[in-house]
Amino acid sequence: MLNFTGDTAEQIILFCKKEGYKRSYNKVYIAKKLYEAGDFIDAECLWLTLVPKEKVSRATVYLVLQWLVINDFAVKKLSGKRMYVYRMK
């Protein structure tokens, strides 16, 4: 698993720049919170940890999680019948 340091945040930012993705605060912030969760966490629980401090929509959390998985920064696995959980690589 990655250590979420300034280097990891910088990797995400550089990846966005290189691949032409919009660089957003939300990508880095949600990735950091996902790392801080430690183990696998579902999107809803992750969103609930974000809401008190930042105004982030559920849709943004799901989109960023998909982006992190597609671009090999995070892992997604099926937990239970219809719930996916996520963890930083």
Protein backbone atom coordinates (compact mmCIF):
# COMPACT_ATOMS: atom_id res chain seq x y z
CA MET A 1 0.00 0.00 0.00
CA LEU A 2 1.21 3.51 -0.77
CA ASN A 3 2.23 5.86 1.97
CA PHE A 4 0.09 8.91 1.40
CA THR A 5 2.64 11.66 1.50
CA GLY A 6 3.16 14.78 -0.49
CA ASP A 7 4.77 12.46 -3.05
CA THR A 8 1.55 10.51 -3.56
CA ALA A 9 -0.45 13.70 -3.91
CA GLU A 10 2.17 14.96 -6.34
CA GLN A 11 1.94 11.68 -8.31
CA ILE A 12 -1.79 12.18 -8.73
CA ILE A 13 -1.32 15.80 -9.80
CA LEU A 14 1.47 14.91 -12.25
CA PHE A 15 -0.59 12.03 -13.65
CA CYS A 16 -3.51 14.40 -14.25
CA LYS A 17 -1.26 16.88 -16.01
CA LYS A 18 0.41 14.20 -18.14
CA GLU A 19 -2.85 12.50 -19.17
CA GLY A 20 -4.85 15.69 -19.64
CA TYR A 21 -7.23 15.18 -16.73
CA LYS A 22 -8.59 18.12 -14.81
CA ARG A 23 -6.50 18.59 -11.69
CA SER A 24 -8.85 18.99 -8.77
CA TYR A 25 -8.55 19.36 -5.05
CA ASN A 26 -11.25 16.69 -4.66
CA LYS A 27 -9.15 13.96 -6.31
CA VAL A 28 -6.27 14.45 -3.90
CA TYR A 29 -8.50 15.05 -0.87
CA ILE A 30 -10.63 11.94 -1.43
CA ALA A 31 -7.53 9.84 -2.16
CA LYS A 32 -6.01 11.06 1.10
CA LYS A 33 -9.15 10.18 3.07
CA LEU A 34 -9.28 6.77 1.40
CA TYR A 35 -5.68 6.15 2.45
CA GLU A 36 -6.41 7.31 6.01
CA ALA A 37 -9.27 4.81 6.24
CA GLY A 38 -6.57 2.13 6.24
CA ASP A 39 -8.55 -0.90 5.15
CA PHE A 40 -11.30 -1.29 2.59
CA ILE A 41 -14.18 1.19 2.97
CA ASP A 42 -17.39 1.64 1.00
CA ALA A 43 -18.16 4.89 -0.81
CA GLU A 44 -21.02 5.85 1.50
CA CYS A 45 -18.89 5.58 4.66
CA LEU A 46 -16.10 7.49 2.97
CA TRP A 47 -18.54 10.23 1.97
CA LEU A 48 -19.82 10.45 5.56
CA THR A 49 -16.27 11.10 6.79
CA LEU A 50 -15.91 13.94 4.27
CA VAL A 51 -19.21 15.75 4.81
CA PRO A 52 -18.55 17.47 8.17
CA LYS A 53 -15.38 19.17 6.89
CA GLU A 54 -15.87 19.61 3.15
CA LYS A 55 -18.89 20.07 0.95
CA VAL A 56 -18.47 17.05 -1.32
CA SER A 57 -21.36 15.34 -3.04
CA ARG A 58 -21.88 11.59 -3.11
CA ALA A 59 -21.59 11.70 -6.88
CA THR A 60 -18.16 13.34 -6.63
CA VAL A 61 -16.98 10.61 -4.24
CA TYR A 62 -18.17 7.86 -6.59
CA LEU A 63 -16.64 9.54 -9.65
CA VAL A 64 -13.27 10.10 -7.95
CA LEU A 65 -13.24 6.51 -6.65
CA GLN A 66 -13.91 5.23 -10.17
CA TRP A 67 -11.16 7.48 -11.50
CA LEU A 68 -8.68 6.23 -8.86
CA VAL A 69 -9.47 2.58 -9.70
CA ILE A 70 -9.31 3.07 -13.48
CA ASN A 71 -5.97 4.85 -13.19
CA ASP A 72 -4.50 2.23 -10.85
CA PHE A 73 -4.27 4.33 -7.69
CA ALA A 74 -6.90 2.30 -5.80
CA VAL A 75 -8.39 -1.20 -5.61
CA LYS A 76 -12.09 -2.03 -5.80
CA LYS A 77 -13.60 -5.31 -4.62
CA LEU A 78 -17.06 -6.74 -4.11
CA SER A 79 -18.08 -7.05 -0.48
CA GLY A 80 -21.35 -8.79 0.18
CA LYS A 81 -24.01 -9.04 -2.48
CA ARG A 82 -24.12 -5.56 -3.97
CA MET A 83 -21.55 -3.38 -2.23
CA TYR A 84 -18.13 -2.42 -3.49
CA VAL A 85 -15.34 -1.36 -1.16
CA TYR A 86 -12.20 0.58 -2.01
CA ARG A 87 -8.63 0.91 -0.76
CA MET A 88 -5.57 2.81 -1.98
CA LYS A 89 -2.88 0.61 -3.54
